[in-house]
Protein backbone atom coordinates (compact mmCIF):
# COMPACT_ATOMS: atom_id res chain seq x y z
CA UNK A 1 97.32 100.38 117.58
CA UNK A 2 99.67 103.22 116.65
CA UNK A 3 98.24 106.73 117.08
CA UNK A 4 98.94 109.09 114.18
CA UNK A 5 99.13 112.88 113.96
CA UNK A 6 99.58 114.83 110.72
CA UNK A 7 101.03 118.35 110.60
CA UNK A 8 100.14 120.34 107.51
CA UNK A 9 96.83 119.72 105.74
CA UNK A 10 97.54 120.92 102.21
CA UNK A 11 97.29 118.72 99.12
CA UNK A 12 100.12 116.32 99.97
CA UNK A 13 98.48 115.53 103.33
CA UNK A 14 95.81 113.62 101.41
CA UNK A 15 98.40 111.03 100.39
CA UNK A 16 99.43 110.61 104.03
CA UNK A 17 95.84 110.31 105.23
CA UNK A 18 94.99 107.70 102.59
CA UNK A 19 98.23 105.87 103.37
CA UNK A 20 97.41 105.51 107.06
CA UNK A 21 93.77 104.65 106.34
CA UNK A 22 95.02 101.68 104.27
CA UNK A 23 96.22 100.03 107.50
CA UNK A 24 93.23 100.23 109.87
CA UNK A 25 94.42 97.27 111.95
CA UNK A 26 97.80 98.90 112.63
CA UNK A 27 97.09 102.60 113.14
CA UNK A 28 94.51 105.29 113.74
CA UNK A 29 94.66 108.98 112.79
CA UNK A 30 93.85 110.87 115.98
CA UNK A 31 95.09 114.44 115.32
CA UNK A 32 95.59 116.97 112.50
CA UNK A 33 97.29 120.36 112.75
CA UNK A 34 97.71 123.36 110.47
CA UNK A 35 98.74 126.97 111.15
CA UNK A 36 95.84 128.28 109.05
CA UNK A 37 92.85 128.48 111.42
CA UNK A 38 90.14 125.83 110.87
CA UNK A 39 92.05 124.21 107.98
CA UNK A 40 92.84 121.04 109.96
CA UNK A 41 89.21 120.70 111.00
CA UNK A 42 88.12 121.10 107.37
CA UNK A 43 90.51 118.35 106.28
CA UNK A 44 89.21 116.03 109.01
CA UNK A 45 85.66 116.68 107.83
CA UNK A 46 86.61 116.05 104.19
CA UNK A 47 87.86 112.58 105.10
CA UNK A 48 85.07 111.88 107.62
CA UNK A 49 87.62 111.59 110.43
CA UNK A 50 85.03 112.27 113.09
CA UNK A 51 87.15 111.27 116.09
CA UNK A 52 90.17 113.36 115.07
CA UNK A 53 91.22 116.33 117.19
CA UNK A 54 92.10 119.39 115.10
CA UNK A 55 94.78 121.91 116.12
CA UNK A 56 95.70 125.35 114.79
CA UNK A 57 99.18 125.06 116.36
CA UNK A 58 101.38 122.03 115.53
CA UNK A 59 103.49 122.45 118.67
CA UNK A 60 100.35 122.33 120.79
CA UNK A 61 99.43 119.06 119.11
CA UNK A 62 102.86 117.63 119.85
CA UNK A 63 102.78 118.83 123.45
CA UNK A 64 99.32 117.33 124.01
CA UNK A 65 100.88 113.86 123.88
CA UNK A 66 99.21 110.60 122.94
CA UNK A 67 100.93 110.26 119.55
CA UNK A 68 103.19 107.47 118.29
CA UNK A 69 103.93 108.79 114.78
CA UNK A 70 103.74 112.27 113.27
CA UNK A 71 103.70 112.97 109.53
CA UNK A 72 105.09 116.39 108.64
CA UNK A 73 103.63 117.73 105.38
CA UNK A 74 104.51 121.43 105.66
CA UNK A 75 106.78 123.81 103.70
CA UNK A 76 110.47 122.73 103.75
CA UNK A 77 111.62 125.63 105.94
CA UNK A 78 109.50 124.27 108.83
CA UNK A 79 110.58 120.63 108.65
CA UNK A 80 113.55 120.77 111.05
CA UNK A 81 111.93 122.56 114.01
CA UNK A 82 108.76 120.46 113.80
CA UNK A 83 110.62 117.15 113.42
CA UNK A 84 112.99 117.97 116.29
CA UNK A 85 110.07 118.91 118.54
CA UNK A 86 108.26 115.66 117.75
CA UNK A 87 111.35 113.47 118.17
CA UNK A 88 112.24 115.13 121.48
CA UNK A 89 108.69 114.39 122.60
CA UNK A 90 109.30 110.69 121.93
CA UNK A 91 107.34 110.52 118.67
CA UNK A 92 108.43 108.73 115.49
CA UNK A 93 108.53 111.08 112.47
CA UNK A 94 107.77 110.73 108.77
CA UNK A 95 108.75 114.00 107.06
CA UNK A 96 107.96 115.03 103.51
CA UNK A 97 110.72 115.68 101.03
CA UNK A 98 113.00 117.58 101.04
CA UNK A 99 114.18 116.70 104.54
CA UNK A 100 115.30 120.31 105.20
CA UNK A 101 116.83 123.20 103.22
CA UNK A 102 120.33 122.79 104.70
CA UNK A 103 122.70 120.05 105.83
CA UNK A 104 123.02 121.76 109.21
CA UNK A 105 119.27 121.38 109.76
CA UNK A 106 119.37 117.77 108.52
CA UNK A 107 122.09 116.96 111.04
CA UNK A 108 120.12 118.62 113.83
CA UNK A 109 117.20 116.34 112.94
CA UNK A 110 119.48 113.29 112.95
CA UNK A 111 120.88 114.33 116.32
CA UNK A 112 117.32 114.55 117.70
CA UNK A 113 116.62 111.08 116.34
CA UNK A 114 119.75 109.73 118.02
CA UNK A 115 119.00 111.18 121.44
CA UNK A 116 115.30 110.26 121.31
CA UNK A 117 115.70 106.68 120.15
CA UNK A 118 112.75 107.23 117.80
CA UNK A 119 112.58 106.66 114.04
CA UNK A 120 113.01 109.36 111.41
CA UNK A 121 111.93 108.52 107.87
CA UNK A 122 111.96 110.89 104.88
CA UNK A 123 109.33 110.48 102.17
CA UNK A 124 110.74 108.70 99.11
CA UNK A 125 107.53 107.24 97.74
CA UNK A 126 109.00 106.44 94.32
CA UNK A 127 111.02 103.63 95.89
CA UNK A 128 107.61 102.01 96.35
CA UNK A 129 106.80 101.74 92.65
CA UNK A 130 107.07 98.43 90.83
CA UNK A 131 108.83 99.87 87.78
CA UNK A 132 111.51 101.58 89.87
CA UNK A 133 111.91 98.67 92.27
CA UNK A 134 112.47 96.56 89.16
CA UNK A 135 115.23 98.92 88.02
CA UNK A 136 116.85 98.60 91.46
CA UNK A 137 116.74 94.79 91.24
CA UNK A 138 118.41 94.84 87.83
CA UNK A 139 121.22 97.14 88.98
CA UNK A 140 121.76 95.06 92.12
CA UNK A 141 121.88 91.85 90.08
CA UNK A 142 125.17 92.91 88.47
CA UNK A 143 123.93 91.91 85.03
CA UNK A 144 124.59 95.38 83.64
CA UNK A 145 128.25 95.31 84.63
CA UNK A 146 130.05 98.46 85.74
CA UNK A 147 127.98 101.61 85.19
CA UNK A 148 129.17 103.93 82.43
CA UNK A 149 126.48 106.60 82.28
CA UNK A 150 123.11 107.43 83.80
CA UNK A 151 120.65 109.95 82.39
CA UNK A 152 117.95 111.16 84.76
CA UNK A 153 115.19 113.41 83.44
CA UNK A 154 113.17 114.90 86.30
CA UNK A 155 110.90 116.66 83.83
CA UNK A 156 107.82 118.49 85.10
CA UNK A 157 105.74 121.44 83.91
CA UNK A 158 104.20 124.16 86.08
CA UNK A 159 102.41 127.34 84.99
CA UNK A 160 102.97 130.82 86.43
CA UNK A 161 100.20 130.56 89.09
CA UNK A 162 102.06 127.65 90.70
CA UNK A 163 104.47 130.12 92.30
CA UNK A 164 101.72 132.38 93.65
CA UNK A 165 101.26 130.15 96.72
CA UNK A 166 102.69 132.03 99.70
CA UNK A 167 105.67 129.73 100.40
CA UNK A 168 106.64 128.81 96.86
CA UNK A 169 109.10 130.65 94.65
CA UNK A 170 111.32 132.08 97.39
CA UNK A 171 114.70 130.82 98.56
CA UNK A 172 113.84 131.52 102.20
CA UNK A 173 110.54 129.62 102.44
CA UNK A 174 110.76 126.98 99.72
CA UNK A 175 114.50 126.45 100.09
CA UNK A 176 115.04 126.31 96.34
CA UNK A 177 113.32 125.63 93.06
CA UNK A 178 112.79 122.51 90.97
CA UNK A 179 116.14 120.96 91.95
CA UNK A 180 115.17 120.77 95.61
CA UNK A 181 111.42 120.38 95.43
CA UNK A 182 110.82 118.30 92.31
CA UNK A 183 114.03 116.51 91.37
CA UNK A 184 114.59 115.45 94.99
CA UNK A 185 112.55 112.34 94.07
CA UNK A 186 114.88 111.43 91.22
CA UNK A 187 117.97 112.38 93.23
CA UNK A 188 116.88 109.94 95.92
CA UNK A 189 116.38 107.26 93.26
CA UNK A 190 119.83 107.93 91.79
CA UNK A 191 121.42 107.57 95.23
CA UNK A 192 119.31 104.46 95.93
CA UNK A 193 120.52 102.90 92.68
CA UNK A 194 124.18 103.95 92.63
CA UNK A 195 125.16 105.52 95.95
CA UNK A 196 126.72 108.96 96.39
CA UNK A 197 128.85 110.59 93.66
CA UNK A 198 132.31 111.98 94.35
CA UNK A 199 131.98 115.31 92.50
CA UNK A 200 129.27 117.53 91.01
CA UNK A 201 129.05 120.52 88.71
CA UNK A 202 125.92 122.27 87.44
CA UNK A 203 124.23 125.21 85.72
CA UNK A 204 120.95 126.84 86.83
CA UNK A 205 118.39 129.02 85.06
CA UNK A 206 114.93 130.50 85.35
CA UNK A 207 113.65 130.05 81.82
CA UNK A 208 109.91 130.66 82.10
CA UNK A 209 108.78 131.81 85.58
CA UNK A 210 109.37 135.53 86.00
CA UNK A 211 107.30 135.54 89.20
CA UNK A 212 109.77 133.42 91.20
CA UNK A 213 113.19 134.00 92.73
CA UNK A 214 114.23 130.36 92.28
CA UNK A 215 115.43 128.27 89.36
CA UNK A 216 112.95 126.43 87.16
CA UNK A 217 115.67 124.48 85.33
CA UNK A 218 119.02 122.97 86.25
CA UNK A 219 121.41 120.54 84.60
CA UNK A 220 124.00 118.75 86.73
CA UNK A 221 126.83 116.33 86.02
CA UNK A 222 127.76 113.83 88.75
CA UNK A 223 130.97 111.77 88.78
CA UNK A 224 130.75 108.07 89.73
CA UNK A 225 134.04 106.14 89.79
CA UNK A 226 134.76 105.72 86.05
CA UNK A 227 131.28 106.82 84.95
CA UNK A 228 129.10 109.92 84.88
CA UNK A 229 125.46 110.75 85.57
CA UNK A 230 123.54 113.70 84.19
CA UNK A 231 120.48 115.08 85.94
CA UNK A 232 117.99 117.50 84.41
CA UNK A 233 115.65 119.12 86.94
CA UNK A 234 112.81 121.07 85.37
CA UNK A 235 109.35 122.55 85.69
CA UNK A 236 109.43 123.81 82.07
CA UNK A 237 109.16 120.48 80.20
CA UNK A 238 105.91 120.01 78.29
CA UNK A 239 104.72 116.43 78.42
CA UNK A 240 106.53 115.75 81.72
CA UNK A 241 108.38 112.83 80.11
CA UNK A 242 110.46 111.53 83.00
CA UNK A 243 113.08 108.86 82.48
CA UNK A 244 116.04 107.05 83.98
CA UNK A 245 118.44 105.44 81.50
CA UNK A 246 121.33 103.36 82.84
CA UNK A 247 124.18 102.34 80.57
CA UNK A 248 126.37 99.52 81.88
CA UNK A 249 129.36 97.74 80.43
CA UNK A 250 127.12 94.85 79.34
CA UNK A 251 123.68 96.33 78.74
CA UNK A 252 121.34 99.31 78.87
CA UNK A 253 118.15 99.39 80.92
CA UNK A 254 115.69 102.22 81.43
CA UNK A 255 112.48 103.37 83.04
CA UNK A 256 110.02 103.39 81.27
CA UNK A 257 111.22 99.81 80.88
CA UNK A 258 113.46 98.97 77.97
CA UNK A 259 116.53 96.78 77.71
CA UNK A 260 119.19 96.31 75.06
CA UNK A 261 122.65 94.75 74.97
CA UNK A 262 125.40 94.97 72.37
CA UNK A 263 128.20 92.52 71.59
CA UNK A 264 131.47 93.52 69.99
CA UNK A 265 132.35 92.34 66.53
CA UNK A 266 136.07 91.66 65.87
CA UNK A 267 136.28 95.21 64.52
CA UNK A 268 134.95 96.72 67.76
CA UNK A 269 131.72 97.80 66.08
CA UNK A 270 128.41 96.35 67.38
CA UNK A 271 127.86 92.77 66.30
CA UNK A 272 124.65 92.06 64.43
CA UNK A 273 121.87 90.90 66.75
CA UNK A 274 123.46 92.18 69.95
CA UNK A 275 123.41 89.89 72.99
CA UNK A 276 119.94 88.27 73.09
CA UNK A 277 120.91 85.89 75.91
CA UNK A 278 121.69 88.75 78.29
CA UNK A 279 118.52 90.58 77.27
CA UNK A 280 116.56 87.40 78.02
CA UNK A 281 118.20 87.04 81.47
CA UNK A 282 117.33 90.63 82.40
CA UNK A 283 113.80 90.27 81.05
CA UNK A 284 113.32 87.06 83.04
CA UNK A 285 114.43 88.83 86.22
CA UNK A 286 111.75 91.46 85.59
CA UNK A 287 109.03 88.91 84.86
CA UNK A 288 109.85 86.91 88.00
CA UNK A 289 109.44 89.87 90.37
CA UNK A 290 106.61 89.73 92.89
CA UNK A 291 104.65 93.01 92.64
CA UNK A 292 104.65 95.30 95.67
CA UNK A 293 101.57 94.96 97.86
CA UNK A 294 101.33 98.71 98.51
CA UNK A 295 102.53 101.56 96.32
CA UNK A 296 103.65 105.17 96.76
CA UNK A 297 102.97 106.91 100.07
CA UNK A 298 100.86 103.94 101.10
CA UNK A 299 103.82 101.63 100.58
CA UNK A 300 106.18 103.84 102.53
CA UNK A 301 103.71 104.30 105.38
CA UNK A 302 103.18 100.54 105.53
CA UNK A 303 106.94 100.07 105.69
CA UNK A 304 107.25 102.60 108.53
CA UNK A 305 104.45 100.96 110.51
CA UNK A 306 106.17 97.59 110.09
CA UNK A 307 109.53 99.09 111.07
CA UNK A 308 108.05 100.46 114.31
CA UNK A 309 106.39 97.12 115.01
CA UNK A 310 109.49 95.05 114.21
CA UNK A 311 112.09 97.40 115.70
CA UNK A 312 114.03 97.79 112.44
CA UNK A 313 115.06 100.77 110.34
CA UNK A 314 112.56 102.03 107.77
CA UNK A 315 113.46 101.58 104.11
CA UNK A 316 113.99 105.34 103.71
CA UNK A 317 115.89 106.75 106.66
CA UNK A 318 116.84 110.20 107.85
CA UNK A 319 120.34 109.58 106.52
CA UNK A 320 118.89 108.84 103.08
CA UNK A 321 117.04 112.15 103.21
CA UNK A 322 120.22 113.96 104.22
CA UNK A 323 122.17 112.35 101.36
CA UNK A 324 119.68 113.74 98.84
CA UNK A 325 119.89 117.23 100.38
CA UNK A 326 123.70 117.01 100.15
CA UNK A 327 123.49 116.42 96.40
CA UNK A 328 121.07 119.36 96.04
CA UNK A 329 123.40 121.55 98.11
CA UNK A 330 126.32 120.60 95.86
CA UNK A 331 124.28 121.39 92.73
CA UNK A 332 123.36 124.82 94.10
CA UNK A 333 126.89 125.60 95.22
CA UNK A 334 128.29 124.48 91.86
CA UNK A 335 125.73 126.60 90.00
CA UNK A 336 126.11 129.70 92.17
CA UNK A 337 129.92 129.60 92.33
CA UNK A 338 130.52 128.09 88.87
CA UNK A 339 132.81 125.38 90.18
CA UNK A 340 133.16 121.65 90.78
CA UNK A 341 132.03 120.56 94.27
CA UNK A 342 133.54 117.52 95.97
CA UNK A 343 131.42 115.24 98.17
CA UNK A 344 130.98 114.79 101.06
CA UNK A 345 130.47 118.47 101.96
CA UNK A 346 132.23 119.15 105.30
CA UNK A 347 130.65 121.06 108.18
CA UNK A 348 133.31 123.74 107.63
CA UNK A 349 131.87 124.56 104.19
CA UNK A 350 129.75 127.74 104.33
CA UNK A 351 127.05 126.02 102.25
CA UNK A 352 126.61 123.45 105.02
CA UNK A 353 125.05 126.07 107.28
CA UNK A 354 121.41 127.11 107.44
CA UNK A 355 120.86 130.45 105.73
CA UNK A 356 124.01 130.38 103.60
CA UNK A 357 122.20 129.23 100.48
CA UNK A 358 119.57 131.95 100.94
CA UNK A 359 122.31 134.55 101.38
CA UNK A 360 124.18 133.50 98.21
CA UNK A 361 121.33 132.51 95.91
CA UNK A 362 120.63 134.67 92.87
CA UNK A 363 117.14 136.12 92.55
CA UNK A 364 116.32 135.26 88.97
CA UNK A 365 113.12 137.31 89.37
CA UNK A 366 111.10 138.67 92.29
CA UNK A 367 107.93 137.06 93.55
CA UNK A 368 104.99 139.13 92.31
CA UNK A 369 101.94 137.54 93.95
CA UNK A 370 101.04 135.77 97.18
CA UNK A 371 97.98 133.66 97.89
CA UNK A 372 97.37 131.57 101.02
CA UNK A 373 95.62 128.71 99.18
CA UNK A 374 96.50 127.26 95.80
CA UNK A 375 93.73 127.47 93.20
CA UNK A 376 92.09 124.18 92.31
C-alpha cells in the first residue's frame, strides 16, 4: 500500500485526491499540506479523510517521513524546491503542470530524480482522454503520411477576477500567462504527437486583462521538418472551442473527431469523392480502440501507481515536462526579442536560467488586486 502526501490544497488538489481515492487497493492518502494555516485540515475534512495528518508547512510534511509519493499542486514558482526536497527524501513525485518556470529549474529537478532513483512525473492528464489517445493512435499508424500542418487552438476564457488570486497574473509567481499555464496542456499534446520542433517564432499580447502583467494571448509558429504547426494560446476566446487539426500528405484528422482525405485528379485538383477507402481505414482504427479504463488525473495517477509497482517509467516523465517548458521558453523568447528561436535551447542561453524571463518580460499591465482565495 503506497502512502500518499499532497502539497497544495487549492482547487486542482481535488483532482489529485479523487484520483488516488479511485485506487483504494493500491494507495492511501495519509498527509496534506498547505502554507495557508488550517487549509489542509479543511480539505481533509471536506473529503472525509479522517486519518490524514494535516501540515501548514510542506517541508515539515516531507521531513516527517512515511511517504511513498507526493503530489505537488502549488503555484509554478514553488514546484522545483518542493519536488527536489521530496525526491532527495526518497519520495516519488507527481508535479502539476507546468513543471517549473525555467529550464534551469527543470534540470535541477531531473538531477534530483537521477540521484534519488525515484520517479518524477509531470501532470499531462489530457493524454488520458479517449479522443486524444485516438488521435495519437492515428498519427502513429502512419495512415496520414508525412505531416504538412497542425493547428492547435488552446482556447480558454477567463474574466478579470481570475487574476486577482495572489499568485496569478505576475511573471514572478505564475511564471507566465496563458502560454505557460493554459496552453501547456496542448503543447504537451503537440510534442506527444509529433515530437519537438526545430524552430519557433511568436507574438504575444494582453488583449483584455488590464489587471495582469502577463499575456492573455499568444500565437506561435513551430517548424517541423517540411511542415509547420501553429499554436494559439488564449484566455480571451468566448466559447472555449479547443481543437487540434492535423493535415497529412494523405488525409486530415482532427479533435473533435473528423476525418477527410482527398485524391488528386489528373489536373492536380481534388478528385470527386476523395479517398473513401483511406477514410474507412482510419475510421475503423478509431472504432476498434479499447476505451481507457481511467481518464484524466485518475488515469495518470493510476499509471504512476502501476509504474512504481512495476518498476517502469510513467507515461508522462520529467523529461516530457521539461520539453513542454522548453517550447514555452522559446515562445516567450521569440515574442520578447522578436526573433526566431532554434531548439534545443542551450544552457548558455540567458533564457535558460531561472529569473531571466522575469527580468526580460514586458509588463503589459500591473496587477491591481490580490486575494488569498479565489471566489467560488
